[in-house]
Amino acid sequence: MELVYTPTREDLVDAVRVQMRHGSFRTLRWLMPTTAVLAFLVVAFLLSGPGEPNTGGAILMGALGLLAAVLGPLALRLTARQMYAVIERQGEHRARVDEDGVRWETRDSEVVARWQLTPRYFETPTQFVLLSADKGGAGVAALPKRGLADPADVDRLRALLDRNLTRM
């Protein structure tokens, strides 16, 4: 089965969102908000705790808390933006999916991924996202549903993935 598509920023945001929930970035999902909350608690303690208020330390910790609060939600978009800068230059993508794995071809590259490399997948409303075998799921690949020639092919692709991968 073949998919032909030009990747979009939304494709990458969707794939990175899956990776952040289930892959290498999942720690970031709780680390940034926790850091922000702890920093703001330290600010409250520095300003209202025993002794003289430490305004310098409070400003520093407030800045750290604000940075963590802002960067947490932005991490998804920033990561997708960096990835898109590389991928968009490749133009149209052609993915051939069969019982052995996936072969992606672009203007400048050809990549073959056997199923052992991406043993699990997630389905989103717009695509199938494959994650690598490592514990952190650092490797991510996407197969946008719009790349299929016939809407019925979505079910065929899902069945092929179910035979070879673990759906998460």
N, C-alpha and C. Protein backbone atom coordinates (compact mmCIF):
# COMPACT_ATOMS: atom_id res chain seq x y z
N MET A 1 0.85 -1.16 0.00
CA MET A 1 0.00 0.00 0.00
C MET A 1 0.90 1.23 0.00
N GLU A 2 0.42 2.29 -0.65
CA GLU A 2 1.27 3.47 -0.83
C GLU A 2 0.55 4.73 -0.34
N LEU A 3 1.32 5.61 0.30
CA LEU A 3 0.85 6.92 0.71
C LEU A 3 1.70 7.96 0.01
N VAL A 4 1.07 9.00 -0.51
CA VAL A 4 1.78 10.11 -1.14
C VAL A 4 1.25 11.37 -0.49
N TYR A 5 2.15 12.15 0.08
CA TYR A 5 1.73 13.34 0.83
C TYR A 5 2.89 14.31 0.97
N THR A 6 2.55 15.54 1.27
CA THR A 6 3.54 16.53 1.64
C THR A 6 3.30 16.83 3.11
N PRO A 7 4.28 16.58 3.98
CA PRO A 7 4.09 16.80 5.41
C PRO A 7 3.75 18.26 5.73
N THR A 8 2.90 18.42 6.73
CA THR A 8 2.52 19.76 7.19
C THR A 8 3.00 19.94 8.63
N ARG A 9 3.00 21.19 9.07
CA ARG A 9 3.35 21.48 10.46
C ARG A 9 2.40 20.75 11.41
N GLU A 10 1.12 20.70 11.03
CA GLU A 10 0.12 20.05 11.87
C GLU A 10 0.42 18.55 12.04
N ASP A 11 0.93 17.93 10.96
CA ASP A 11 1.33 16.52 11.06
C ASP A 11 2.39 16.35 12.14
N LEU A 12 3.36 17.24 12.12
CA LEU A 12 4.46 17.12 13.08
C LEU A 12 4.00 17.45 14.49
N VAL A 13 3.15 18.45 14.65
CA VAL A 13 2.62 18.76 15.98
C VAL A 13 1.87 17.54 16.53
N ASP A 14 1.07 16.92 15.69
CA ASP A 14 0.33 15.73 16.09
C ASP A 14 1.27 14.59 16.49
N ALA A 15 2.30 14.35 15.69
CA ALA A 15 3.25 13.27 15.98
C ALA A 15 4.05 13.58 17.25
N VAL A 16 4.48 14.81 17.41
CA VAL A 16 5.24 15.18 18.62
C VAL A 16 4.35 15.11 19.85
N ARG A 17 3.08 15.44 19.71
CA ARG A 17 2.14 15.33 20.83
C ARG A 17 2.08 13.87 21.31
N VAL A 18 1.99 12.93 20.37
CA VAL A 18 1.99 11.51 20.73
C VAL A 18 3.31 11.15 21.40
N GLN A 19 4.41 11.63 20.84
CA GLN A 19 5.72 11.32 21.41
C GLN A 19 5.84 11.89 22.82
N MET A 20 5.31 13.08 23.05
CA MET A 20 5.39 13.67 24.39
C MET A 20 4.55 12.90 25.40
N ARG A 21 3.46 12.33 24.95
CA ARG A 21 2.61 11.57 25.87
C ARG A 21 3.16 10.18 26.16
N HIS A 22 3.79 9.58 25.16
CA HIS A 22 4.15 8.16 25.28
C HIS A 22 5.61 7.87 25.00
N GLY A 23 6.38 8.86 24.68
CA GLY A 23 7.76 8.63 24.30
C GLY A 23 8.74 9.38 25.17
N SER A 24 9.78 9.85 24.54
CA SER A 24 10.91 10.42 25.26
C SER A 24 10.61 11.73 25.97
N PHE A 25 9.55 12.40 25.61
CA PHE A 25 9.26 13.69 26.21
C PHE A 25 8.24 13.61 27.34
N ARG A 26 7.79 12.42 27.72
CA ARG A 26 6.73 12.34 28.72
C ARG A 26 7.13 12.94 30.06
N THR A 27 8.42 12.89 30.40
CA THR A 27 8.88 13.50 31.64
C THR A 27 8.67 15.01 31.61
N LEU A 28 8.85 15.59 30.45
CA LEU A 28 8.68 17.04 30.29
C LEU A 28 7.26 17.47 30.61
N ARG A 29 6.28 16.61 30.36
CA ARG A 29 4.88 16.95 30.60
C ARG A 29 4.60 17.25 32.06
N TRP A 30 5.28 16.59 32.98
CA TRP A 30 5.05 16.88 34.40
C TRP A 30 6.17 17.70 35.01
N LEU A 31 7.36 17.67 34.43
CA LEU A 31 8.49 18.38 35.01
C LEU A 31 8.32 19.90 34.94
N MET A 32 7.90 20.42 33.80
CA MET A 32 7.77 21.88 33.66
C MET A 32 6.69 22.46 34.58
N PRO A 33 5.47 21.90 34.62
CA PRO A 33 4.48 22.46 35.55
C PRO A 33 4.89 22.32 37.01
N THR A 34 5.53 21.21 37.35
CA THR A 34 5.99 21.01 38.73
C THR A 34 7.05 22.03 39.09
N THR A 35 7.98 22.28 38.18
CA THR A 35 9.02 23.29 38.41
C THR A 35 8.39 24.67 38.60
N ALA A 36 7.40 25.01 37.80
CA ALA A 36 6.74 26.31 37.91
C ALA A 36 6.06 26.45 39.28
N VAL A 37 5.33 25.42 39.69
CA VAL A 37 4.63 25.48 40.98
C VAL A 37 5.63 25.60 42.13
N LEU A 38 6.68 24.80 42.10
CA LEU A 38 7.70 24.87 43.16
C LEU A 38 8.38 26.23 43.20
N ALA A 39 8.68 26.79 42.05
CA ALA A 39 9.31 28.11 42.00
C ALA A 39 8.40 29.16 42.60
N PHE A 40 7.12 29.10 42.29
CA PHE A 40 6.19 30.10 42.84
C PHE A 40 5.99 29.91 44.34
N LEU A 41 6.06 28.67 44.83
CA LEU A 41 6.01 28.43 46.28
C LEU A 41 7.24 29.02 46.97
N VAL A 42 8.40 28.86 46.35
CA VAL A 42 9.63 29.44 46.90
C VAL A 42 9.51 30.97 46.92
N VAL A 43 8.94 31.55 45.87
CA VAL A 43 8.74 33.01 45.83
C VAL A 43 7.89 33.44 47.02
N ALA A 44 6.79 32.72 47.26
CA ALA A 44 5.91 33.06 48.38
C ALA A 44 6.66 32.95 49.70
N PHE A 45 7.47 31.92 49.85
CA PHE A 45 8.23 31.75 51.09
C PHE A 45 9.28 32.86 51.24
N LEU A 46 9.97 33.19 50.17
CA LEU A 46 11.00 34.23 50.23
C LEU A 46 10.42 35.60 50.57
N LEU A 47 9.19 35.85 50.14
CA LEU A 47 8.58 37.16 50.40
C LEU A 47 7.83 37.23 51.72
N SER A 48 7.32 36.09 52.19
CA SER A 48 6.51 36.13 53.42
C SER A 48 7.06 35.28 54.55
N GLY A 49 8.20 34.66 54.34
CA GLY A 49 8.79 33.80 55.36
C GLY A 49 9.41 34.61 56.49
N PRO A 50 10.02 33.93 57.44
CA PRO A 50 10.64 34.62 58.57
C PRO A 50 11.80 35.51 58.12
N GLY A 51 11.98 36.58 58.83
CA GLY A 51 13.08 37.49 58.51
C GLY A 51 12.70 38.46 57.42
N GLU A 52 13.71 39.15 56.91
CA GLU A 52 13.51 40.14 55.84
C GLU A 52 13.15 39.44 54.53
N PRO A 53 12.22 40.02 53.77
CA PRO A 53 11.91 39.45 52.45
C PRO A 53 13.13 39.49 51.53
N ASN A 54 13.34 38.44 50.82
CA ASN A 54 14.45 38.34 49.90
C ASN A 54 13.92 38.61 48.48
N THR A 55 13.83 39.89 48.14
CA THR A 55 13.23 40.26 46.85
C THR A 55 14.09 39.81 45.67
N GLY A 56 15.40 39.86 45.80
CA GLY A 56 16.28 39.42 44.71
C GLY A 56 16.07 37.95 44.39
N GLY A 57 16.05 37.13 45.42
CA GLY A 57 15.82 35.70 45.23
C GLY A 57 14.42 35.42 44.71
N ALA A 58 13.45 36.21 45.20
CA ALA A 58 12.06 36.03 44.75
C ALA A 58 11.93 36.37 43.27
N ILE A 59 12.61 37.41 42.83
CA ILE A 59 12.56 37.79 41.41
C ILE A 59 13.19 36.69 40.56
N LEU A 60 14.31 36.17 41.01
CA LEU A 60 14.99 35.10 40.28
C LEU A 60 14.11 33.84 40.19
N MET A 61 13.53 33.44 41.31
CA MET A 61 12.68 32.25 41.33
C MET A 61 11.39 32.50 40.54
N GLY A 62 10.87 33.71 40.61
CA GLY A 62 9.67 34.05 39.84
C GLY A 62 9.94 33.95 38.35
N ALA A 63 11.12 34.41 37.94
CA ALA A 63 11.50 34.31 36.53
C ALA A 63 11.62 32.85 36.10
N LEU A 64 12.22 32.02 36.97
CA LEU A 64 12.33 30.58 36.68
C LEU A 64 10.95 29.96 36.56
N GLY A 65 10.05 30.29 37.49
CA GLY A 65 8.69 29.76 37.44
C GLY A 65 7.95 30.18 36.19
N LEU A 66 8.11 31.44 35.82
CA LEU A 66 7.47 31.95 34.62
C LEU A 66 8.03 31.26 33.37
N LEU A 67 9.34 31.09 33.34
CA LEU A 67 9.97 30.41 32.20
C LEU A 67 9.45 28.98 32.07
N ALA A 68 9.38 28.27 33.19
CA ALA A 68 8.89 26.89 33.16
C ALA A 68 7.42 26.85 32.76
N ALA A 69 6.62 27.79 33.24
CA ALA A 69 5.20 27.83 32.91
C ALA A 69 4.98 28.12 31.42
N VAL A 70 5.83 28.94 30.83
CA VAL A 70 5.67 29.31 29.41
C VAL A 70 6.29 28.24 28.50
N LEU A 71 7.47 27.74 28.85
CA LEU A 71 8.15 26.78 27.98
C LEU A 71 7.47 25.41 27.94
N GLY A 72 6.82 25.04 29.01
CA GLY A 72 6.13 23.74 29.03
C GLY A 72 5.17 23.59 27.87
N PRO A 73 4.18 24.47 27.77
CA PRO A 73 3.25 24.37 26.64
C PRO A 73 3.89 24.65 25.28
N LEU A 74 4.93 25.46 25.25
CA LEU A 74 5.57 25.79 23.99
C LEU A 74 6.49 24.67 23.47
N ALA A 75 6.89 23.77 24.34
CA ALA A 75 7.84 22.72 23.95
C ALA A 75 7.33 21.91 22.76
N LEU A 76 6.05 21.62 22.76
CA LEU A 76 5.46 20.85 21.66
C LEU A 76 5.64 21.58 20.34
N ARG A 77 5.28 22.83 20.30
CA ARG A 77 5.37 23.61 19.06
C ARG A 77 6.83 23.85 18.65
N LEU A 78 7.70 24.11 19.62
CA LEU A 78 9.10 24.36 19.30
C LEU A 78 9.77 23.11 18.72
N THR A 79 9.46 21.96 19.30
CA THR A 79 10.02 20.70 18.80
C THR A 79 9.52 20.42 17.39
N ALA A 80 8.22 20.56 17.18
CA ALA A 80 7.66 20.33 15.85
C ALA A 80 8.23 21.32 14.84
N ARG A 81 8.44 22.54 15.25
CA ARG A 81 9.00 23.55 14.34
C ARG A 81 10.40 23.16 13.89
N GLN A 82 11.23 22.69 14.83
CA GLN A 82 12.59 22.27 14.47
C GLN A 82 12.56 21.09 13.50
N MET A 83 11.69 20.13 13.77
CA MET A 83 11.60 18.96 12.90
C MET A 83 11.09 19.36 11.52
N TYR A 84 10.12 20.25 11.48
CA TYR A 84 9.52 20.65 10.20
C TYR A 84 10.53 21.36 9.31
N ALA A 85 11.42 22.12 9.91
CA ALA A 85 12.44 22.82 9.12
C ALA A 85 13.26 21.85 8.29
N VAL A 86 13.50 20.67 8.80
CA VAL A 86 14.27 19.65 8.07
C VAL A 86 13.38 18.92 7.07
N ILE A 87 12.18 18.59 7.49
CA ILE A 87 11.31 17.75 6.67
C ILE A 87 10.70 18.50 5.49
N GLU A 88 10.36 19.77 5.66
CA GLU A 88 9.69 20.50 4.57
C GLU A 88 10.57 20.63 3.33
N ARG A 89 11.87 20.67 3.51
CA ARG A 89 12.78 20.78 2.36
C ARG A 89 12.76 19.54 1.48
N GLN A 90 12.25 18.45 2.02
CA GLN A 90 12.22 17.19 1.26
C GLN A 90 11.05 17.13 0.28
N GLY A 91 10.09 18.04 0.41
CA GLY A 91 8.96 18.06 -0.51
C GLY A 91 8.03 16.88 -0.32
N GLU A 92 7.54 16.37 -1.44
CA GLU A 92 6.58 15.26 -1.40
C GLU A 92 7.23 14.00 -0.84
N HIS A 93 6.47 13.30 0.00
CA HIS A 93 6.91 12.02 0.58
C HIS A 93 6.07 10.91 -0.03
N ARG A 94 6.73 9.79 -0.26
CA ARG A 94 6.05 8.60 -0.75
C ARG A 94 6.42 7.49 0.23
N ALA A 95 5.40 6.91 0.87
CA ALA A 95 5.63 5.83 1.82
C ALA A 95 4.99 4.55 1.28
N ARG A 96 5.78 3.49 1.24
CA ARG A 96 5.27 2.18 0.84
C ARG A 96 5.27 1.29 2.08
N VAL A 97 4.09 0.80 2.42
CA VAL A 97 3.91 0.01 3.63
C VAL A 97 3.53 -1.40 3.22
N ASP A 98 4.28 -2.38 3.76
CA ASP A 98 3.97 -3.79 3.47
C ASP A 98 4.26 -4.63 4.71
N GLU A 99 4.25 -5.92 4.55
CA GLU A 99 4.45 -6.82 5.69
C GLU A 99 5.85 -6.73 6.30
N ASP A 100 6.81 -6.17 5.58
CA ASP A 100 8.17 -6.05 6.10
C ASP A 100 8.41 -4.76 6.88
N GLY A 101 7.68 -3.69 6.54
CA GLY A 101 7.90 -2.41 7.20
C GLY A 101 7.47 -1.27 6.30
N VAL A 102 8.14 -0.12 6.46
CA VAL A 102 7.80 1.08 5.71
C VAL A 102 9.06 1.58 4.99
N ARG A 103 8.87 2.00 3.75
CA ARG A 103 9.95 2.62 2.97
C ARG A 103 9.47 4.00 2.59
N TRP A 104 10.18 5.03 3.08
CA TRP A 104 9.86 6.42 2.74
C TRP A 104 10.84 6.89 1.68
N GLU A 105 10.34 7.55 0.67
CA GLU A 105 11.18 8.14 -0.36
C GLU A 105 10.80 9.61 -0.51
N THR A 106 11.83 10.44 -0.59
CA THR A 106 11.64 11.87 -0.86
C THR A 106 12.60 12.26 -1.97
N ARG A 107 12.61 13.52 -2.29
CA ARG A 107 13.50 14.00 -3.34
C ARG A 107 14.97 13.66 -3.03
N ASP A 108 15.37 13.76 -1.76
CA ASP A 108 16.78 13.62 -1.38
C ASP A 108 17.11 12.41 -0.52
N SER A 109 16.11 11.63 -0.14
CA SER A 109 16.43 10.54 0.78
C SER A 109 15.52 9.34 0.57
N GLU A 110 16.01 8.24 1.13
CA GLU A 110 15.23 7.01 1.15
C GLU A 110 15.51 6.35 2.50
N VAL A 111 14.44 6.02 3.23
CA VAL A 111 14.58 5.43 4.56
C VAL A 111 13.73 4.17 4.61
N VAL A 112 14.33 3.10 5.12
CA VAL A 112 13.60 1.86 5.30
C VAL A 112 13.54 1.57 6.78
N ALA A 113 12.35 1.30 7.28
CA ALA A 113 12.16 0.97 8.69
C ALA A 113 11.43 -0.37 8.78
N ARG A 114 12.13 -1.39 9.24
CA ARG A 114 11.48 -2.68 9.47
C ARG A 114 10.60 -2.54 10.71
N TRP A 115 9.64 -3.42 10.86
CA TRP A 115 8.70 -3.31 11.97
C TRP A 115 9.39 -3.40 13.33
N GLN A 116 10.53 -4.06 13.41
CA GLN A 116 11.24 -4.16 14.68
C GLN A 116 11.71 -2.79 15.17
N LEU A 117 11.93 -1.87 14.25
CA LEU A 117 12.38 -0.53 14.61
C LEU A 117 11.25 0.29 15.24
N THR A 118 10.04 0.07 14.77
CA THR A 118 8.88 0.82 15.29
C THR A 118 7.80 -0.18 15.70
N PRO A 119 7.95 -0.82 16.85
CA PRO A 119 7.04 -1.91 17.21
C PRO A 119 5.67 -1.48 17.75
N ARG A 120 5.45 -0.19 17.92
CA ARG A 120 4.16 0.26 18.45
C ARG A 120 3.68 1.48 17.68
N TYR A 121 2.37 1.63 17.67
CA TYR A 121 1.82 2.79 16.96
C TYR A 121 0.59 3.33 17.67
N PHE A 122 0.30 4.58 17.38
CA PHE A 122 -0.86 5.28 17.90
C PHE A 122 -1.63 5.82 16.71
N GLU A 123 -2.93 5.74 16.80
CA GLU A 123 -3.75 6.32 15.74
C GLU A 123 -4.36 7.62 16.26
N THR A 124 -4.20 8.67 15.49
CA THR A 124 -4.84 9.95 15.79
C THR A 124 -5.93 10.15 14.73
N PRO A 125 -6.73 11.18 14.85
CA PRO A 125 -7.76 11.40 13.82
C PRO A 125 -7.19 11.61 12.41
N THR A 126 -5.94 12.06 12.31
CA THR A 126 -5.40 12.40 10.99
C THR A 126 -4.27 11.49 10.51
N GLN A 127 -3.71 10.67 11.38
CA GLN A 127 -2.56 9.87 10.96
C GLN A 127 -2.29 8.71 11.91
N PHE A 128 -1.35 7.87 11.46
CA PHE A 128 -0.82 6.79 12.29
C PHE A 128 0.59 7.22 12.68
N VAL A 129 0.89 7.20 13.98
CA VAL A 129 2.19 7.63 14.49
C VAL A 129 2.92 6.40 15.01
N LEU A 130 4.10 6.13 14.44
CA LEU A 130 4.91 4.98 14.83
C LEU A 130 6.00 5.44 15.79
N LEU A 131 6.20 4.70 16.88
CA LEU A 131 7.26 5.03 17.83
C LEU A 131 8.30 3.94 17.86
N SER A 132 9.55 4.34 18.06
CA SER A 132 10.66 3.40 18.05
C SER A 132 10.61 2.46 19.25
N ALA A 133 11.46 1.44 19.18
CA ALA A 133 11.45 0.38 20.19
C ALA A 133 12.10 0.77 21.51
N ASP A 134 12.93 1.82 21.49
CA ASP A 134 13.61 2.18 22.74
C ASP A 134 12.60 2.64 23.78
N LYS A 135 12.98 2.53 25.05
CA LYS A 135 12.08 2.83 26.16
C LYS A 135 11.50 4.24 26.05
N GLY A 136 12.31 5.19 25.62
CA GLY A 136 11.86 6.57 25.53
C GLY A 136 11.09 6.89 24.27
N GLY A 137 11.04 5.98 23.34
CA GLY A 137 10.33 6.25 22.08
C GLY A 137 10.87 7.47 21.37
N ALA A 138 12.21 7.58 21.34
CA ALA A 138 12.84 8.77 20.75
C ALA A 138 12.58 8.88 19.26
N GLY A 139 12.47 7.75 18.57
CA GLY A 139 12.21 7.79 17.14
C GLY A 139 10.71 7.85 16.88
N VAL A 140 10.32 8.73 15.99
CA VAL A 140 8.91 8.89 15.67
C VAL A 140 8.76 9.01 14.15
N ALA A 141 7.72 8.39 13.62
CA ALA A 141 7.42 8.48 12.19
C ALA A 141 5.91 8.57 12.05
N ALA A 142 5.47 9.22 10.99
CA ALA A 142 4.04 9.41 10.80
C ALA A 142 3.60 8.96 9.41
N LEU A 143 2.40 8.45 9.35
CA LEU A 143 1.77 8.06 8.10
C LEU A 143 0.42 8.78 8.04
N PRO A 144 0.36 9.95 7.42
CA PRO A 144 -0.90 10.71 7.35
C PRO A 144 -1.96 9.98 6.54
N LYS A 145 -3.15 9.92 7.06
CA LYS A 145 -4.23 9.22 6.38
C LYS A 145 -4.58 9.88 5.05
N ARG A 146 -4.40 11.19 4.94
CA ARG A 146 -4.74 11.89 3.70
C ARG A 146 -3.84 11.45 2.54
N GLY A 147 -2.73 10.77 2.84
CA GLY A 147 -1.83 10.31 1.80
C GLY A 147 -2.31 9.07 1.07
N LEU A 148 -3.35 8.45 1.59
CA LEU A 148 -3.89 7.25 0.95
C LEU A 148 -4.81 7.65 -0.20
N ALA A 149 -4.80 6.86 -1.26
CA ALA A 149 -5.58 7.18 -2.46
C ALA A 149 -7.08 7.01 -2.22
N ASP A 150 -7.46 6.04 -1.41
CA ASP A 150 -8.87 5.71 -1.20
C ASP A 150 -9.16 5.72 0.30
N PRO A 151 -10.25 6.33 0.74
CA PRO A 151 -10.58 6.32 2.18
C PRO A 151 -10.68 4.91 2.77
N ALA A 152 -11.04 3.93 1.97
CA ALA A 152 -11.11 2.54 2.46
C ALA A 152 -9.72 2.01 2.80
N ASP A 153 -8.69 2.62 2.23
CA ASP A 153 -7.33 2.18 2.51
C ASP A 153 -6.93 2.43 3.97
N VAL A 154 -7.62 3.36 4.64
CA VAL A 154 -7.32 3.61 6.06
C VAL A 154 -7.54 2.33 6.86
N ASP A 155 -8.65 1.64 6.60
CA ASP A 155 -8.92 0.39 7.31
C ASP A 155 -7.91 -0.70 6.95
N ARG A 156 -7.53 -0.75 5.68
CA ARG A 156 -6.53 -1.73 5.26
C ARG A 156 -5.18 -1.45 5.93
N LEU A 157 -4.79 -0.17 6.00
CA LEU A 157 -3.52 0.19 6.66
C LEU A 157 -3.58 -0.13 8.14
N ARG A 158 -4.71 0.19 8.78
CA ARG A 158 -4.87 -0.12 10.20
C ARG A 158 -4.73 -1.63 10.43
N ALA A 159 -5.33 -2.44 9.58
CA ALA A 159 -5.24 -3.90 9.72
C ALA A 159 -3.79 -4.37 9.54
N LEU A 160 -3.09 -3.79 8.57
CA LEU A 160 -1.68 -4.13 8.35
C LEU A 160 -0.84 -3.77 9.57
N LEU A 161 -1.06 -2.59 10.11
CA LEU A 161 -0.32 -2.18 11.31
C LEU A 161 -0.65 -3.08 12.49
N ASP A 162 -1.93 -3.42 12.65
CA ASP A 162 -2.33 -4.31 13.76
C ASP A 162 -1.67 -5.68 13.66
N ARG A 163 -1.46 -6.15 12.45
CA ARG A 163 -0.80 -7.46 12.27
C ARG A 163 0.68 -7.41 12.67
N ASN A 164 1.31 -6.27 12.49
CA ASN A 164 2.76 -6.18 12.66
C ASN A 164 3.23 -5.38 13.87
N LEU A 165 2.36 -4.55 14.42
CA LEU A 165 2.74 -3.66 15.52
C LEU A 165 1.73 -3.78 16.65
N THR A 166 2.08 -3.19 17.78
CA THR A 166 1.17 -3.13 18.91
C THR A 166 0.51 -1.76 18.93
N ARG A 167 -0.80 -1.77 18.89
CA ARG A 167 -1.53 -0.50 18.95
C ARG A 167 -1.60 -0.04 20.41
N MET A 168 -1.26 1.20 20.61
CA MET A 168 -1.28 1.76 21.97
C MET A 168 -2.51 2.65 22.13
